[in-house]
Amino acid sequence: MTDIALEERDELVAEAIAAGRSLRAVRREFSLSQADLDGVLERLWPVDHAARVRMIKRDVGRLEALMAPFYERAVRDGDVPSGVLVVKVYERLHTLVGPKPRSAWT
């Protein structure tokens, strides 16, 4: 595929994704392998390690702020739904940040 044809296909893929089509549907529509789709996404919206870290830090801050009033309700009032939400937020935080390194526990 020529560079121009590749760019045109990438733009069509971007339009399809922006229109709300799932990645699976886009792969089928454009006959892309998973690796081809990953390449298209990387060319369209490159995300480097520093950008990922910034996004994680932003999300951690937002989740902490979101969780604070529910944590207080859960502890102060014994509000079970608030406690469940706090647990879900902690699960999300651990998914974002991952476990502490082994040396941090000692």
PDB file of N, CA and C in Angstrom:
ATOM      1  N   MET A   1       0.847  -1.168   0.000  1.00  0.00           N
ATOM      2  CA  MET A   1       0.000   0.000   0.000  1.00  0.00           C
ATOM      3  C   MET A   1       0.898   1.238   0.000  1.00  0.00           C
ATOM      4  N   THR A   2       0.586   2.215  -0.848  1.00  0.00           N
ATOM      5  CA  THR A   2       1.391   3.435  -0.910  1.00  0.00           C
ATOM      6  C   THR A   2       1.148   4.283   0.326  1.00  0.00           C
ATOM      7  N   ASP A   3       2.042   5.211   0.564  1.00  0.00           N
ATOM      8  CA  ASP A   3       1.904   6.092   1.728  1.00  0.00           C
ATOM      9  C   ASP A   3       0.605   6.887   1.671  1.00  0.00           C
ATOM     10  N   ILE A   4       0.235   7.350   0.494  1.00  0.00           N
ATOM     11  CA  ILE A   4      -0.997   8.140   0.344  1.00  0.00           C
ATOM     12  C   ILE A   4      -2.214   7.269   0.617  1.00  0.00           C
ATOM     13  N   ALA A   5      -2.222   6.067   0.058  1.00  0.00           N
ATOM     14  CA  ALA A   5      -3.343   5.156   0.290  1.00  0.00           C
ATOM     15  C   ALA A   5      -3.435   4.781   1.761  1.00  0.00           C
ATOM     16  N   LEU A   6      -2.285   4.595   2.411  1.00  0.00           N
ATOM     17  CA  LEU A   6      -2.245   4.271   3.832  1.00  0.00           C
ATOM     18  C   LEU A   6      -2.816   5.423   4.656  1.00  0.00           C
ATOM     19  N   GLU A   7      -2.435   6.644   4.332  1.00  0.00           N
ATOM     20  CA  GLU A   7      -2.953   7.814   5.042  1.00  0.00           C
ATOM     21  C   GLU A   7      -4.459   7.952   4.851  1.00  0.00           C
ATOM     22  N   GLU A   8      -4.933   7.721   3.633  1.00  0.00           N
ATOM     23  CA  GLU A   8      -6.372   7.813   3.363  1.00  0.00           C
ATOM     24  C   GLU A   8      -7.138   6.753   4.151  1.00  0.00           C
ATOM     25  N   ARG A   9      -6.607   5.512   4.180  1.00  0.00           N
ATOM     26  CA  ARG A   9      -7.257   4.458   4.943  1.00  0.00           C
ATOM     27  C   ARG A   9      -7.265   4.795   6.428  1.00  0.00           C
ATOM     28  N   ASP A  10      -6.152   5.319   6.929  1.00  0.00           N
ATOM     29  CA  ASP A  10      -6.077   5.703   8.340  1.00  0.00           C
ATOM     30  C   ASP A  10      -7.131   6.755   8.670  1.00  0.00           C
ATOM     31  N   GLU A  11      -7.321   7.722   7.778  1.00  0.00           N
ATOM     32  CA  GLU A  11      -8.340   8.751   8.005  1.00  0.00           C
ATOM     33  C   GLU A  11      -9.743   8.157   8.020  1.00  0.00           C
ATOM     34  N   LEU A  12     -10.004   7.206   7.140  1.00  0.00           N
ATOM     35  CA  LEU A  12     -11.310   6.538   7.120  1.00  0.00           C
ATOM     36  C   LEU A  12     -11.528   5.738   8.405  1.00  0.00           C
ATOM     37  N   VAL A  13     -10.476   5.108   8.880  1.00  0.00           N
ATOM     38  CA  VAL A  13     -10.557   4.375  10.144  1.00  0.00           C
ATOM     39  C   VAL A  13     -10.852   5.354  11.286  1.00  0.00           C
ATOM     40  N   ALA A  14     -10.168   6.501  11.297  1.00  0.00           N
ATOM     41  CA  ALA A  14     -10.406   7.511  12.335  1.00  0.00           C
ATOM     42  C   ALA A  14     -11.847   7.990  12.306  1.00  0.00           C
ATOM     43  N   GLU A  15     -12.384   8.222  11.125  1.00  0.00           N
ATOM     44  CA  GLU A  15     -13.786   8.651  10.997  1.00  0.00           C
ATOM     45  C   GLU A  15     -14.726   7.577  11.510  1.00  0.00           C
ATOM     46  N   ALA A  16     -14.447   6.317  11.192  1.00  0.00           N
ATOM     47  CA  ALA A  16     -15.301   5.214  11.647  1.00  0.00           C
ATOM     48  C   ALA A  16     -15.292   5.116  13.169  1.00  0.00           C
ATOM     49  N   ILE A  17     -14.112   5.251  13.773  1.00  0.00           N
ATOM     50  CA  ILE A  17     -14.015   5.191  15.233  1.00  0.00           C
ATOM     51  C   ILE A  17     -14.713   6.389  15.865  1.00  0.00           C
ATOM     52  N   ALA A  18     -14.517   7.572  15.294  1.00  0.00           N
ATOM     53  CA  ALA A  18     -15.167   8.780  15.806  1.00  0.00           C
ATOM     54  C   ALA A  18     -16.686   8.695  15.675  1.00  0.00           C
ATOM     55  N   ALA A  19     -17.156   7.950  14.673  1.00  0.00           N
ATOM     56  CA  ALA A  19     -18.598   7.774  14.484  1.00  0.00           C
ATOM     57  C   ALA A  19     -19.188   6.780  15.474  1.00  0.00           C
ATOM     58  N   GLY A  20     -18.320   6.123  16.251  1.00  0.00           N
ATOM     59  CA  GLY A  20     -18.813   5.244  17.295  1.00  0.00           C
ATOM     60  C   GLY A  20     -18.744   3.761  16.977  1.00  0.00           C
ATOM     61  N   ARG A  21     -18.165   3.391  15.850  1.00  0.00           N
ATOM     62  CA  ARG A  21     -18.042   1.971  15.533  1.00  0.00           C
ATOM     63  C   ARG A  21     -17.014   1.330  16.455  1.00  0.00           C
ATOM     64  N   SER A  22     -17.260   0.093  16.829  1.00  0.00           N
ATOM     65  CA  SER A  22     -16.328  -0.618  17.698  1.00  0.00           C
ATOM     66  C   SER A  22     -15.055  -0.955  16.930  1.00  0.00           C
ATOM     67  N   LEU A  23     -13.989  -1.201  17.663  1.00  0.00           N
ATOM     68  CA  LEU A  23     -12.731  -1.568  17.018  1.00  0.00           C
ATOM     69  C   LEU A  23     -12.872  -2.883  16.258  1.00  0.00           C
ATOM     70  N   ARG A  24     -13.671  -3.786  16.792  1.00  0.00           N
ATOM     71  CA  ARG A  24     -13.915  -5.055  16.105  1.00  0.00           C
ATOM     72  C   ARG A  24     -14.600  -4.818  14.761  1.00  0.00           C
ATOM     73  N   ALA A  25     -15.611  -3.943  14.749  1.00  0.00           N
ATOM     74  CA  ALA A  25     -16.326  -3.633  13.501  1.00  0.00           C
ATOM     75  C   ALA A  25     -15.395  -2.941  12.504  1.00  0.00           C
ATOM     76  N   VAL A  26     -14.543  -2.061  13.007  1.00  0.00           N
ATOM     77  CA  VAL A  26     -13.596  -1.359  12.136  1.00  0.00           C
ATOM     78  C   VAL A  26     -12.606  -2.350  11.534  1.00  0.00           C
ATOM     79  N   ARG A  27     -12.127  -3.292  12.347  1.00  0.00           N
ATOM     80  CA  ARG A  27     -11.205  -4.310  11.825  1.00  0.00           C
ATOM     81  C   ARG A  27     -11.852  -5.089  10.687  1.00  0.00           C
ATOM     82  N   ARG A  28     -13.115  -5.486  10.888  1.00  0.00           N
ATOM     83  CA  ARG A  28     -13.819  -6.245   9.856  1.00  0.00           C
ATOM     84  C   ARG A  28     -14.051  -5.400   8.609  1.00  0.00           C
ATOM     85  N   GLU A  29     -14.505  -4.166   8.818  1.00  0.00           N
ATOM     86  CA  GLU A  29     -14.830  -3.284   7.696  1.00  0.00           C
ATOM     87  C   GLU A  29     -13.623  -3.020   6.796  1.00  0.00           C
ATOM     88  N   PHE A  30     -12.462  -2.848   7.400  1.00  0.00           N
ATOM     89  CA  PHE A  30     -11.265  -2.510   6.639  1.00  0.00           C
ATOM     90  C   PHE A  30     -10.332  -3.708   6.440  1.00  0.00           C
ATOM     91  N   SER A  31     -10.780  -4.891   6.837  1.00  0.00           N
ATOM     92  CA  SER A  31      -9.982  -6.122   6.702  1.00  0.00           C
ATOM     93  C   SER A  31      -8.602  -5.965   7.325  1.00  0.00           C
ATOM     94  N   LEU A  32      -8.572  -5.530   8.564  1.00  0.00           N
ATOM     95  CA  LEU A  32      -7.325  -5.295   9.277  1.00  0.00           C
ATOM     96  C   LEU A  32      -7.056  -6.413  10.275  1.00  0.00           C
ATOM     97  N   SER A  33      -5.808  -6.810  10.396  1.00  0.00           N
ATOM     98  CA  SER A  33      -5.423  -7.697  11.486  1.00  0.00           C
ATOM     99  C   SER A  33      -5.327  -6.846  12.751  1.00  0.00           C
ATOM    100  N   GLN A  34      -5.190  -7.508  13.888  1.00  0.00           N
ATOM    101  CA  GLN A  34      -5.033  -6.755  15.133  1.00  0.00           C
ATOM    102  C   GLN A  34      -3.776  -5.895  15.080  1.00  0.00           C
ATOM    103  N   ALA A  35      -2.704  -6.446  14.532  1.00  0.00           N
ATOM    104  CA  ALA A  35      -1.450  -5.690  14.422  1.00  0.00           C
ATOM    105  C   ALA A  35      -1.607  -4.492  13.488  1.00  0.00           C
ATOM    106  N   ASP A  36      -2.340  -4.677  12.379  1.00  0.00           N
ATOM    107  CA  ASP A  36      -2.578  -3.562  11.457  1.00  0.00           C
ATOM    108  C   ASP A  36      -3.371  -2.461  12.152  1.00  0.00           C
ATOM    109  N   LEU A  37      -4.410  -2.846  12.893  1.00  0.00           N
ATOM    110  CA  LEU A  37      -5.225  -1.852  13.596  1.00  0.00           C
ATOM    111  C   LEU A  37      -4.393  -1.134  14.648  1.00  0.00           C
ATOM    112  N   ASP A  38      -3.564  -1.878  15.379  1.00  0.00           N
ATOM    113  CA  ASP A  38      -2.691  -1.238  16.376  1.00  0.00           C
ATOM    114  C   ASP A  38      -1.782  -0.207  15.716  1.00  0.00           C
ATOM    115  N   GLY A  39      -1.255  -0.532  14.528  1.00  0.00           N
ATOM    116  CA  GLY A  39      -0.413   0.409  13.798  1.00  0.00           C
ATOM    117  C   GLY A  39      -1.164   1.658  13.385  1.00  0.00           C
ATOM    118  N   VAL A  40      -2.400   1.470  12.909  1.00  0.00           N
ATOM    119  CA  VAL A  40      -3.233   2.610  12.522  1.00  0.00           C
ATOM    120  C   VAL A  40      -3.485   3.502  13.736  1.00  0.00           C
ATOM    121  N   LEU A  41      -3.863   2.899  14.862  1.00  0.00           N
ATOM    122  CA  LEU A  41      -4.153   3.677  16.066  1.00  0.00           C
ATOM    123  C   LEU A  41      -2.915   4.427  16.553  1.00  0.00           C
ATOM    124  N   GLU A  42      -1.760   3.781  16.465  1.00  0.00           N
ATOM    125  CA  GLU A  42      -0.515   4.439  16.885  1.00  0.00           C
ATOM    126  C   GLU A  42      -0.173   5.607  15.969  1.00  0.00           C
ATOM    127  N   ARG A  43      -0.433   5.457  14.675  1.00  0.00           N
ATOM    128  CA  ARG A  43      -0.171   6.575  13.744  1.00  0.00           C
ATOM    129  C   ARG A  43      -1.165   7.706  13.958  1.00  0.00           C
ATOM    130  N   LEU A  44      -2.423   7.361  14.224  1.00  0.00           N
ATOM    131  CA  LEU A  44      -3.453   8.387  14.396  1.00  0.00           C
ATOM    132  C   LEU A  44      -3.298   9.137  15.717  1.00  0.00           C
ATOM    133  N   TRP A  45      -3.142   8.380  16.786  1.00  0.00           N
ATOM    134  CA  TRP A  45      -3.110   8.963  18.124  1.00  0.00           C
ATOM    135  C   TRP A  45      -1.957   8.380  18.923  1.00  0.00           C
ATOM    136  N   PRO A  46      -0.733   8.797  18.632  1.00  0.00           N
ATOM    137  CA  PRO A  46       0.417   8.224  19.340  1.00  0.00           C
ATOM    138  C   PRO A  46       0.392   8.600  20.823  1.00  0.00           C
ATOM    139  N   VAL A  47       0.638   7.615  21.660  1.00  0.00           N
ATOM    140  CA  VAL A  47       0.691   7.838  23.103  1.00  0.00           C
ATOM    141  C   VAL A  47       2.006   7.243  23.586  1.00  0.00           C
ATOM    142  N   ASP A  48       2.875   8.102  24.099  1.00  0.00           N
ATOM    143  CA  ASP A  48       4.152   7.604  24.593  1.00  0.00           C
ATOM    144  C   ASP A  48       4.061   7.335  26.093  1.00  0.00           C
ATOM    145  N   HIS A  49       5.134   6.837  26.644  1.00  0.00           N
ATOM    146  CA  HIS A  49       5.154   6.461  28.053  1.00  0.00           C
ATOM    147  C   HIS A  49       4.849   7.659  28.960  1.00  0.00           C
ATOM    148  N   ALA A  50       5.434   8.797  28.663  1.00  0.00           N
ATOM    149  CA  ALA A  50       5.213   9.993  29.490  1.00  0.00           C
ATOM    150  C   ALA A  50       3.740  10.397  29.479  1.00  0.00           C
ATOM    151  N   ALA A  51       3.087  10.294  28.318  1.00  0.00           N
ATOM    152  CA  ALA A  51       1.666  10.630  28.231  1.00  0.00           C
ATOM    153  C   ALA A  51       0.830   9.657  29.058  1.00  0.00           C
ATOM    154  N   ARG A  52       1.184   8.377  29.022  1.00  0.00           N
ATOM    155  CA  ARG A  52       0.470   7.388  29.826  1.00  0.00           C
ATOM    156  C   ARG A  52       0.595   7.693  31.312  1.00  0.00           C
ATOM    157  N   VAL A  53       1.798   8.028  31.737  1.00  0.00           N
ATOM    158  CA  VAL A  53       2.030   8.338  33.149  1.00  0.00           C
ATOM    159  C   VAL A  53       1.224   9.572  33.560  1.00  0.00           C
ATOM    160  N   ARG A  54       1.197  10.605  32.703  1.00  0.00           N
ATOM    161  CA  ARG A  54       0.399  11.808  33.002  1.00  0.00           C
ATOM    162  C   ARG A  54      -1.073  11.455  33.150  1.00  0.00           C
ATOM    163  N   MET A  55      -1.581  10.630  32.254  1.00  0.00           N
ATOM    164  CA  MET A  55      -2.992  10.245  32.311  1.00  0.00           C
ATOM    165  C   MET A  55      -3.290   9.470  33.590  1.00  0.00           C
ATOM    166  N   ILE A  56      -2.394   8.568  33.961  1.00  0.00           N
ATOM    167  CA  ILE A  56      -2.597   7.788  35.184  1.00  0.00           C
ATOM    168  C   ILE A  56      -2.591   8.703  36.398  1.00  0.00           C
ATOM    169  N   LYS A  57      -1.637   9.633  36.455  1.00  0.00           N
ATOM    170  CA  LYS A  57      -1.573  10.560  37.589  1.00  0.00           C
ATOM    171  C   LYS A  57      -2.826  11.415  37.667  1.00  0.00           C
ATOM    172  N   ARG A  58      -3.308  11.891  36.517  1.00  0.00           N
ATOM    173  CA  ARG A  58      -4.537  12.679  36.496  1.00  0.00           C
ATOM    174  C   ARG A  58      -5.715  11.856  37.008  1.00  0.00           C
ATOM    175  N   ASP A  59      -5.812  10.616  36.519  1.00  0.00           N
ATOM    176  CA  ASP A  59      -6.923   9.759  36.924  1.00  0.00           C
ATOM    177  C   ASP A  59      -6.860   9.411  38.402  1.00  0.00           C
ATOM    178  N   VAL A  60      -5.659   9.190  38.931  1.00  0.00           N
ATOM    179  CA  VAL A  60      -5.516   8.894  40.353  1.00  0.00           C
ATOM    180  C   VAL A  60      -6.022  10.072  41.173  1.00  0.00           C
ATOM    181  N   GLY A  61      -5.636  11.272  40.791  1.00  0.00           N
ATOM    182  CA  GLY A  61      -6.110  12.459  41.515  1.00  0.00           C
ATOM    183  C   GLY A  61      -7.620  12.613  41.460  1.00  0.00           C
ATOM    184  N   ARG A  62      -8.191  12.382  40.305  1.00  0.00           N
ATOM    185  CA  ARG A  62      -9.639  12.499  40.161  1.00  0.00           C
ATOM    186  C   ARG A  62     -10.364  11.428  40.967  1.00  0.00           C
ATOM    187  N   LEU A  63      -9.847  10.213  40.933  1.00  0.00           N
ATOM    188  CA  LEU A  63     -10.483   9.133  41.687  1.00  0.00           C
ATOM    189  C   LEU A  63     -10.395   9.386  43.190  1.00  0.00           C
ATOM    190  N   GLU A  64      -9.263   9.890  43.642  1.00  0.00           N
ATOM    191  CA  GLU A  64      -9.123  10.214  45.066  1.00  0.00           C
ATOM    192  C   GLU A  64     -10.144  11.278  45.478  1.00  0.00           C
ATOM    193  N   ALA A  65     -10.299  12.316  44.649  1.00  0.00           N
ATOM    194  CA  ALA A  65     -11.259  13.379  44.963  1.00  0.00           C
ATOM    195  C   ALA A  65     -12.691  12.851  44.931  1.00  0.00           C
ATOM    196  N   LEU A  66     -12.984  12.010  43.973  1.00  0.00           N
ATOM    197  CA  LEU A  66     -14.318  11.419  43.862  1.00  0.00           C
ATOM    198  C   LEU A  66     -14.625  10.543  45.064  1.00  0.00           C
ATOM    199  N   MET A  67     -13.639   9.818  45.523  1.00  0.00           N
ATOM    200  CA  MET A  67     -13.839   8.857  46.597  1.00  0.00           C
ATOM    201  C   MET A  67     -13.995   9.515  47.969  1.00  0.00           C
ATOM    202  N   ALA A  68     -13.372  10.643  48.209  1.00  0.00           N
ATOM    203  CA  ALA A  68     -13.301  11.250  49.550  1.00  0.00           C
ATOM    204  C   ALA A  68     -14.652  11.376  50.258  1.00  0.00           C
ATOM    205  N   PRO A  69     -15.671  11.968  49.646  1.00  0.00           N
ATOM    206  CA  PRO A  69     -16.928  12.103  50.393  1.00  0.00           C
ATOM    207  C   PRO A  69     -17.599  10.749  50.671  1.00  0.00           C
ATOM    208  N   PHE A  70     -17.430   9.808  49.791  1.00  0.00           N
ATOM    209  CA  PHE A  70     -18.043   8.495  49.997  1.00  0.00           C
ATOM    210  C   PHE A  70     -17.316   7.716  51.091  1.00  0.00           C
ATOM    211  N   TYR A  71     -16.003   7.911  51.171  1.00  0.00           N
ATOM    212  CA  TYR A  71     -15.229   7.280  52.239  1.00  0.00           C
ATOM    213  C   TYR A  71     -15.713   7.807  53.593  1.00  0.00           C
ATOM    214  N   GLU A  72     -15.888   9.123  53.674  1.00  0.00           N
ATOM    215  CA  GLU A  72     -16.376   9.720  54.923  1.00  0.00           C
ATOM    216  C   GLU A  72     -17.747   9.160  55.309  1.00  0.00           C
ATOM    217  N   ARG A  73     -18.662   9.080  54.347  1.00  0.00           N
ATOM    218  CA  ARG A  73     -19.996   8.523  54.636  1.00  0.00           C
ATOM    219  C   ARG A  73     -19.914   7.076  55.081  1.00  0.00           C
ATOM    220  N   ALA A  74     -19.051   6.318  54.432  1.00  0.00           N
ATOM    221  CA  ALA A  74     -18.922   4.902  54.772  1.00  0.00           C
ATOM    222  C   ALA A  74     -18.392   4.741  56.195  1.00  0.00           C
ATOM    223  N   VAL A  75     -17.396   5.532  56.563  1.00  0.00           N
ATOM    224  CA  VAL A  75     -16.786   5.415  57.890  1.00  0.00           C
ATOM    225  C   VAL A  75     -17.677   6.046  58.956  1.00  0.00           C
ATOM    226  N   ARG A  76     -18.132   7.262  58.703  1.00  0.00           N
ATOM    227  CA  ARG A  76     -18.903   8.017  59.696  1.00  0.00           C
ATOM    228  C   ARG A  76     -20.287   7.425  59.931  1.00  0.00           C
ATOM    229  N   ASP A  77     -20.990   7.112  58.822  1.00  0.00           N
ATOM    230  CA  ASP A  77     -22.388   6.687  58.921  1.00  0.00           C
ATOM    231  C   ASP A  77     -22.595   5.192  58.719  1.00  0.00           C
ATOM    232  N   GLY A  78     -21.540   4.491  58.362  1.00  0.00           N
ATOM    233  CA  GLY A  78     -21.697   3.070  58.073  1.00  0.00           C
ATOM    234  C   GLY A  78     -22.528   2.833  56.817  1.00  0.00           C
ATOM    235  N   ASP A  79     -22.475   3.784  55.893  1.00  0.00           N
ATOM    236  CA  ASP A  79     -23.265   3.706  54.663  1.00  0.00           C
ATOM    237  C   ASP A  79     -22.664   2.641  53.733  1.00  0.00           C
ATOM    238  N   VAL A  80     -23.381   1.525  53.594  1.00  0.00           N
ATOM    239  CA  VAL A  80     -22.862   0.394  52.830  1.00  0.00           C
ATOM    240  C   VAL A  80     -22.668   0.732  51.349  1.00  0.00           C
ATOM    241  N   PRO A  81     -23.647   1.369  50.662  1.00  0.00           N
ATOM    242  CA  PRO A  81     -23.398   1.697  49.247  1.00  0.00           C
ATOM    243  C   PRO A  81     -22.164   2.583  49.056  1.00  0.00           C
ATOM    244  N   SER A  82     -21.923   3.503  49.975  1.00  0.00           N
ATOM    245  CA  SER A  82     -20.721   4.338  49.888  1.00  0.00           C
ATOM    246  C   SER A  82     -19.475   3.485  50.062  1.00  0.00           C
ATOM    247  N   GLY A  83     -19.529   2.531  50.981  1.00  0.00           N
ATOM    248  CA  GLY A  83     -18.399   1.632  51.182  1.00  0.00           C
ATOM    249  C   GLY A  83     -18.112   0.794  49.953  1.00  0.00           C
ATOM    250  N   VAL A  84     -19.159   0.331  49.291  1.00  0.00           N
ATOM    251  CA  VAL A  84     -18.991  -0.453  48.065  1.00  0.00           C
ATOM    252  C   VAL A  84     -18.345   0.409  46.988  1.00  0.00           C
ATOM    253  N   LEU A  85     -18.782   1.649  46.860  1.00  0.00           N
ATOM    254  CA  LEU A  85     -18.185   2.545  45.869  1.00  0.00           C
ATOM    255  C   LEU A  85     -16.703   2.784  46.173  1.00  0.00           C
ATOM    256  N   VAL A  86     -16.372   2.953  47.432  1.00  0.00           N
ATOM    257  CA  VAL A  86     -14.976   3.165  47.824  1.00  0.00           C
ATOM    258  C   VAL A  86     -14.128   1.952  47.425  1.00  0.00           C
ATOM    259  N   VAL A  87     -14.653   0.762  47.657  1.00  0.00           N
ATOM    260  CA  VAL A  87     -13.922  -0.447  47.282  1.00  0.00           C
ATOM    261  C   VAL A  87     -13.710  -0.484  45.768  1.00  0.00           C
ATOM    262  N   LYS A  88     -14.734  -0.120  45.008  1.00  0.00           N
ATOM    263  CA  LYS A  88     -14.602  -0.104  43.546  1.00  0.00           C
ATOM    264  C   LYS A  88     -13.548   0.915  43.098  1.00  0.00           C
ATOM    265  N   VAL A  89     -13.518   2.060  43.749  1.00  0.00           N
ATOM    266  CA  VAL A  89     -12.511   3.069  43.406  1.00  0.00           C
ATOM    267  C   VAL A  89     -11.117   2.547  43.738  1.00  0.00           C
ATOM    268  N   TYR A  90     -10.974   1.896  44.914  1.00  0.00           N
ATOM    269  CA  TYR A  90      -9.671   1.317  45.257  1.00  0.00           C
ATOM    270  C   TYR A  90      -9.251   0.269  44.230  1.00  0.00           C
ATOM    271  N   GLU A  91     -10.194  -0.538  43.768  1.00  0.00           N
ATOM    272  CA  GLU A  91      -9.876  -1.533  42.739  1.00  0.00           C
ATOM    273  C   GLU A  91      -9.374  -0.850  41.474  1.00  0.00           C
ATOM    274  N   ARG A  92     -10.030   0.228  41.089  1.00  0.00           N
ATOM    275  CA  ARG A  92      -9.604   0.958  39.893  1.00  0.00           C
ATOM    276  C   ARG A  92      -8.221   1.577  40.090  1.00  0.00           C
ATOM    277  N   LEU A  93      -7.986   2.133  41.272  1.00  0.00           N
ATOM    278  CA  LEU A  93      -6.670   2.715  41.564  1.00  0.00           C
ATOM    279  C   LEU A  93      -5.576   1.651  41.470  1.00  0.00           C
ATOM    280  N   HIS A  94      -5.845   0.483  42.011  1.00  0.00           N
ATOM    281  CA  HIS A  94      -4.847  -0.581  41.959  1.00  0.00           C
ATOM    282  C   HIS A  94      -4.636  -1.063  40.526  1.00  0.00           C
ATOM    283  N   THR A  95      -5.674  -1.022  39.716  1.00  0.00           N
ATOM    284  CA  THR A  95      -5.526  -1.377  38.307  1.00  0.00           C
ATOM    285  C   THR A  95      -4.643  -0.359  37.595  1.00  0.00           C
ATOM    286  N   LEU A  96      -4.835   0.914  37.898  1.00  0.00           N
ATOM    287  CA  LEU A  96      -4.043   1.968  37.265  1.00  0.00           C
ATOM    288  C   LEU A  96      -2.587   1.946  37.702  1.00  0.00           C
ATOM    289  N   VAL A  97      -2.380   1.839  38.997  1.00  0.00           N
ATOM    290  CA  VAL A  97      -1.045   2.010  39.549  1.00  0.00           C
ATOM    291  C   VAL A  97      -0.312   0.683  39.681  1.00  0.00           C
ATOM    292  N   GLY A  98      -1.045  -0.388  39.892  1.00  0.00           N
ATOM    293  CA  GLY A  98      -0.426  -1.697  40.063  1.00  0.00           C
ATOM    294  C   GLY A  98       0.020  -1.912  41.490  1.00  0.00           C
ATOM    295  N   PRO A  99       0.489  -3.132  41.761  1.00  0.00           N
ATOM    296  CA  PRO A  99       0.933  -3.434  43.140  1.00  0.00           C
ATOM    297  C   PRO A  99       2.226  -2.720  43.457  1.00  0.00           C
ATOM    298  N   LYS A 100       2.454  -2.518  44.732  1.00  0.00           N
ATOM    299  CA  LYS A 100       3.723  -1.926  45.158  1.00  0.00           C
ATOM    300  C   LYS A 100       4.836  -2.937  44.888  1.00  0.00           C
ATOM    301  N   PRO A 101       6.040  -2.440  44.600  1.00  0.00           N
ATOM    302  CA  PRO A 101       7.166  -3.374  44.448  1.00  0.00           C
ATOM    303  C   PRO A 101       7.393  -4.125  45.741  1.00  0.00           C
ATOM    304  N   ARG A 102       7.893  -5.324  45.666  1.00  0.00           N
ATOM    305  CA  ARG A 102       8.101  -6.189  46.838  1.00  0.00           C
ATOM    306  C   ARG A 102       8.898  -5.480  47.917  1.00  0.00           C
ATOM    307  N   SER A 103       9.917  -4.714  47.532  1.00  0.00           N
ATOM    308  CA  SER A 103      10.774  -4.051  48.519  1.00  0.00           C
ATOM    309  C   SER A 103      10.007  -3.000  49.321  1.00  0.00           C
ATOM    310  N   ALA A 104       8.896  -2.484  48.791  1.00  0.00           N
ATOM    311  CA  ALA A 104       8.132  -1.447  49.499  1.00  0.00           C
ATOM    312  C   ALA A 104       7.389  -2.042  50.698  1.00  0.00           C
ATOM    313  N   TRP A 105       7.198  -3.346  50.720  1.00  0.00           N
ATOM    314  CA  TRP A 105       6.452  -3.992  51.808  1.00  0.00           C
ATOM    315  C   TRP A 105       7.348  -4.324  52.992  1.00  0.00           C
ATOM    316  N   THR A 106       8.633  -4.233  52.812  1.00  0.00           N
ATOM    317  CA  THR A 106       9.534  -4.617  53.907  1.00  0.00           C
ATOM    318  C   THR A 106      10.121  -3.422  54.603  1.00  0.00           C
TER     319      THR A 106
END
